[in-house]
Amino acid sequence: MATVHLLNDEELSAQARQVFADIRATRGSDFVNNFWRALANDPATLLRTWEGVKAVMGPGALDPKVKEMIYIAVSVAHGCPYCIHSHTAGARAKGMTEAEYAELLAVIGMASETNRLVTALGVPIDEAFEVH
């Protein structure tokens, strides 16, 4: 259950309405998900967050599908079910196959296990891994 009211389009401030228009134009879709509807309660945070997401998830050196898959991994690590679902949908829309998803989950699981082990064991970082 949301801790804030999810604003519908008729309830948006002028600034939030502009951000929603940009979300729709950028994504080529009329759908604006609940995350943005919750953030619309604070138009300044909505704008700042959208500009950041648009910059980071937009064109760059990494393939868009890879960016979505990284987002899934971070969302799993942080325990964010909403982000796991939204970015899994995004990765699938960008062509992630079920085989890629299964392998991604295997990597996430293995990384989580080895991260816990190395932390519990207090393993020092090898000098060869240090940036000089």
C-alpha atoms as a PDB file:
ATOM      1  CA  MET A   1       0.000   0.000   0.000  1.00  0.00           C
ATOM      2  CA  ALA A   2       1.342   3.404  -0.978  1.00  0.00           C
ATOM      3  CA  THR A   3       2.278   5.861   1.746  1.00  0.00           C
ATOM      4  CA  VAL A   4       1.167   8.747  -0.489  1.00  0.00           C
ATOM      5  CA  HIS A   5      -1.749   9.258  -2.847  1.00  0.00           C
ATOM      6  CA  LEU A   6      -0.983   8.126  -6.409  1.00  0.00           C
ATOM      7  CA  LEU A   7      -1.989  11.149  -8.428  1.00  0.00           C
ATOM      8  CA  ASN A   8      -4.095  10.708 -11.520  1.00  0.00           C
ATOM      9  CA  ASP A   9      -3.577  12.999 -14.492  1.00  0.00           C
ATOM     10  CA  GLU A  10      -6.335  15.411 -13.410  1.00  0.00           C
ATOM     11  CA  GLU A  11      -4.645  15.938 -10.014  1.00  0.00           C
ATOM     12  CA  LEU A  12      -1.193  16.866 -11.365  1.00  0.00           C
ATOM     13  CA  SER A  13       0.396  20.265 -10.848  1.00  0.00           C
ATOM     14  CA  ALA A  14       1.492  22.105 -13.967  1.00  0.00           C
ATOM     15  CA  GLN A  15       5.135  21.077 -13.371  1.00  0.00           C
ATOM     16  CA  ALA A  16       4.213  17.415 -12.826  1.00  0.00           C
ATOM     17  CA  ARG A  17       2.024  17.526 -15.952  1.00  0.00           C
ATOM     18  CA  GLN A  18       5.069  18.673 -17.967  1.00  0.00           C
ATOM     19  CA  VAL A  19       7.206  15.862 -16.545  1.00  0.00           C
ATOM     20  CA  PHE A  20       4.511  13.286 -17.345  1.00  0.00           C
ATOM     21  CA  ALA A  21       4.345  14.631 -20.906  1.00  0.00           C
ATOM     22  CA  ASP A  22       8.124  14.148 -21.207  1.00  0.00           C
ATOM     23  CA  ILE A  23       7.899  10.627 -19.742  1.00  0.00           C
ATOM     24  CA  ARG A  24       5.246   9.744 -22.308  1.00  0.00           C
ATOM     25  CA  ALA A  25       7.177  11.309 -25.198  1.00  0.00           C
ATOM     26  CA  THR A  26      10.507   9.757 -24.191  1.00  0.00           C
ATOM     27  CA  ARG A  27       9.011   6.302 -23.740  1.00  0.00           C
ATOM     28  CA  GLY A  28       6.615   6.526 -26.676  1.00  0.00           C
ATOM     29  CA  SER A  29       3.755   5.346 -24.479  1.00  0.00           C
ATOM     30  CA  ASP A  30       0.761   6.856 -22.700  1.00  0.00           C
ATOM     31  CA  PHE A  31       1.458   4.652 -19.651  1.00  0.00           C
ATOM     32  CA  VAL A  32       2.924   6.412 -16.608  1.00  0.00           C
ATOM     33  CA  ASN A  33       3.603   3.935 -13.835  1.00  0.00           C
ATOM     34  CA  ASN A  34       2.850   4.224 -10.125  1.00  0.00           C
ATOM     35  CA  PHE A  35       6.401   5.238  -9.163  1.00  0.00           C
ATOM     36  CA  TRP A  36       6.051   8.490 -11.081  1.00  0.00           C
ATOM     37  CA  ARG A  37       2.491   8.977  -9.829  1.00  0.00           C
ATOM     38  CA  ALA A  38       3.745   8.737  -6.236  1.00  0.00           C
ATOM     39  CA  LEU A  39       6.641  11.126  -6.910  1.00  0.00           C
ATOM     40  CA  ALA A  40       4.220  13.611  -8.511  1.00  0.00           C
ATOM     41  CA  ASN A  41       3.225  14.647  -4.975  1.00  0.00           C
ATOM     42  CA  ASP A  42       6.573  16.485  -4.893  1.00  0.00           C
ATOM     43  CA  PRO A  43       7.071  17.963  -8.379  1.00  0.00           C
ATOM     44  CA  ALA A  44      10.671  19.021  -7.686  1.00  0.00           C
ATOM     45  CA  THR A  45      11.655  15.466  -6.709  1.00  0.00           C
ATOM     46  CA  LEU A  46       9.669  14.104  -9.656  1.00  0.00           C
ATOM     47  CA  LEU A  47      11.568  16.339 -12.091  1.00  0.00           C
ATOM     48  CA  ARG A  48      14.996  15.688 -10.530  1.00  0.00           C
ATOM     49  CA  THR A  49      14.442  11.922 -10.477  1.00  0.00           C
ATOM     50  CA  TRP A  50      13.069  11.784 -14.027  1.00  0.00           C
ATOM     51  CA  GLU A  51      15.982  13.843 -15.382  1.00  0.00           C
ATOM     52  CA  GLY A  52      18.422  11.486 -13.639  1.00  0.00           C
ATOM     53  CA  VAL A  53      16.721   8.322 -14.868  1.00  0.00           C
ATOM     54  CA  LYS A  54      16.443   9.725 -18.387  1.00  0.00           C
ATOM     55  CA  ALA A  55      20.153  10.589 -18.441  1.00  0.00           C
ATOM     56  CA  VAL A  56      21.394   7.316 -16.954  1.00  0.00           C
ATOM     57  CA  MET A  57      19.033   4.942 -18.751  1.00  0.00           C
ATOM     58  CA  GLY A  58      19.217   6.811 -22.066  1.00  0.00           C
ATOM     59  CA  PRO A  59      21.689   6.203 -24.886  1.00  0.00           C
ATOM     60  CA  GLY A  60      25.235   5.515 -23.805  1.00  0.00           C
ATOM     61  CA  ALA A  61      28.071   3.016 -23.935  1.00  0.00           C
ATOM     62  CA  LEU A  62      25.923   0.240 -22.453  1.00  0.00           C
ATOM     63  CA  ASP A  63      23.156  -1.450 -24.403  1.00  0.00           C
ATOM     64  CA  PRO A  64      19.666  -0.479 -23.078  1.00  0.00           C
ATOM     65  CA  LYS A  65      18.855  -4.128 -22.270  1.00  0.00           C
ATOM     66  CA  VAL A  66      22.076  -4.447 -20.274  1.00  0.00           C
ATOM     67  CA  LYS A  67      21.180  -1.298 -18.311  1.00  0.00           C
ATOM     68  CA  GLU A  68      17.794  -2.813 -17.432  1.00  0.00           C
ATOM     69  CA  MET A  69      19.461  -6.081 -16.376  1.00  0.00           C
ATOM     70  CA  ILE A  70      21.903  -4.194 -14.144  1.00  0.00           C
ATOM     71  CA  TYR A  71      18.935  -2.354 -12.650  1.00  0.00           C
ATOM     72  CA  ILE A  72      17.307  -5.715 -11.890  1.00  0.00           C
ATOM     73  CA  ALA A  73      20.457  -6.910 -10.110  1.00  0.00           C
ATOM     74  CA  VAL A  74      20.714  -3.760  -7.993  1.00  0.00           C
ATOM     75  CA  SER A  75      16.997  -3.932  -7.210  1.00  0.00           C
ATOM     76  CA  VAL A  76      17.368  -7.537  -6.021  1.00  0.00           C
ATOM     77  CA  ALA A  77      20.359  -6.523  -3.881  1.00  0.00           C
ATOM     78  CA  HIS A  78      18.325  -3.704  -2.333  1.00  0.00           C
ATOM     79  CA  GLY A  79      15.167  -5.787  -1.951  1.00  0.00           C
ATOM     80  CA  CYS A  80      12.895  -3.545  -4.051  1.00  0.00           C
ATOM     81  CA  PRO A  81      10.045  -5.691  -5.460  1.00  0.00           C
ATOM     82  CA  TYR A  82       8.574  -2.771  -7.410  1.00  0.00           C
ATOM     83  CA  CYS A  83      11.855  -2.068  -9.194  1.00  0.00           C
ATOM     84  CA  ILE A  84      12.489  -5.767  -9.813  1.00  0.00           C
ATOM     85  CA  HIS A  85       9.125  -6.047 -11.559  1.00  0.00           C
ATOM     86  CA  SER A  86       9.295  -2.793 -13.512  1.00  0.00           C
ATOM     87  CA  HIS A  87      12.835  -3.325 -14.769  1.00  0.00           C
ATOM     88  CA  THR A  88      12.241  -6.995 -15.569  1.00  0.00           C
ATOM     89  CA  ALA A  89       9.356  -5.811 -17.745  1.00  0.00           C
ATOM     90  CA  GLY A  90      11.663  -3.169 -19.232  1.00  0.00           C
ATOM     91  CA  ALA A  91      14.410  -5.696 -19.969  1.00  0.00           C
ATOM     92  CA  ARG A  92      11.927  -8.070 -21.579  1.00  0.00           C
ATOM     93  CA  ALA A  93      10.582  -5.215 -23.704  1.00  0.00           C
ATOM     94  CA  LYS A  94      14.159  -4.556 -24.834  1.00  0.00           C
ATOM     95  CA  GLY A  95      14.637  -8.186 -25.848  1.00  0.00           C
ATOM     96  CA  MET A  96      15.823 -10.046 -22.750  1.00  0.00           C
ATOM     97  CA  THR A  97      15.106 -13.738 -23.286  1.00  0.00           C
ATOM     98  CA  GLU A  98      14.034 -16.209 -20.618  1.00  0.00           C
ATOM     99  CA  ALA A  99      17.468 -17.863 -20.908  1.00  0.00           C
ATOM    100  CA  GLU A 100      19.155 -14.497 -20.266  1.00  0.00           C
ATOM    101  CA  TYR A 101      16.852 -13.868 -17.308  1.00  0.00           C
ATOM    102  CA  ALA A 102      17.623 -17.281 -15.818  1.00  0.00           C
ATOM    103  CA  GLU A 103      21.344 -16.678 -16.225  1.00  0.00           C
ATOM    104  CA  LEU A 104      21.034 -13.187 -14.737  1.00  0.00           C
ATOM    105  CA  LEU A 105      19.304 -14.636 -11.672  1.00  0.00           C
ATOM    106  CA  ALA A 106      22.041 -17.264 -11.358  1.00  0.00           C
ATOM    107  CA  VAL A 107      24.710 -14.540 -11.442  1.00  0.00           C
ATOM    108  CA  ILE A 108      22.792 -12.440  -8.884  1.00  0.00           C
ATOM    109  CA  GLY A 109      22.448 -15.466  -6.601  1.00  0.00           C
ATOM    110  CA  MET A 110      26.100 -16.443  -6.894  1.00  0.00           C
ATOM    111  CA  ALA A 111      27.315 -12.877  -6.373  1.00  0.00           C
ATOM    112  CA  SER A 112      25.117 -12.560  -3.283  1.00  0.00           C
ATOM    113  CA  GLU A 113      26.505 -15.793  -1.851  1.00  0.00           C
ATOM    114  CA  THR A 114      30.165 -15.032  -2.539  1.00  0.00           C
ATOM    115  CA  ASN A 115      29.753 -11.425  -1.294  1.00  0.00           C
ATOM    116  CA  ARG A 116      28.441 -12.730   2.039  1.00  0.00           C
ATOM    117  CA  LEU A 117      31.202 -15.325   2.289  1.00  0.00           C
ATOM    118  CA  VAL A 118      34.064 -12.929   1.543  1.00  0.00           C
ATOM    119  CA  THR A 119      32.590 -10.410   3.995  1.00  0.00           C
ATOM    120  CA  ALA A 120      32.175 -13.010   6.743  1.00  0.00           C
ATOM    121  CA  LEU A 121      35.695 -14.331   6.160  1.00  0.00           C
ATOM    122  CA  GLY A 122      37.233 -10.854   6.074  1.00  0.00           C
ATOM    123  CA  VAL A 123      39.245 -11.731   2.977  1.00  0.00           C
ATOM    124  CA  PRO A 124      41.781  -8.992   2.208  1.00  0.00           C
ATOM    125  CA  ILE A 125      41.780  -7.510  -1.283  1.00  0.00           C
ATOM    126  CA  ASP A 126      44.563  -8.915  -3.454  1.00  0.00           C
ATOM    127  CA  GLU A 127      47.194  -6.373  -4.424  1.00  0.00           C
ATOM    128  CA  ALA A 128      46.737  -7.414  -8.065  1.00  0.00           C
ATOM    129  CA  PHE A 129      43.145  -6.090  -7.876  1.00  0.00           C
ATOM    130  CA  GLU A 130      44.185  -2.627  -6.634  1.00  0.00           C
ATOM    131  CA  VAL A 131      44.242   0.276  -9.070  1.00  0.00           C
ATOM    132  CA  HIS A 132      47.681   1.845  -9.132  1.00  0.00           C
END
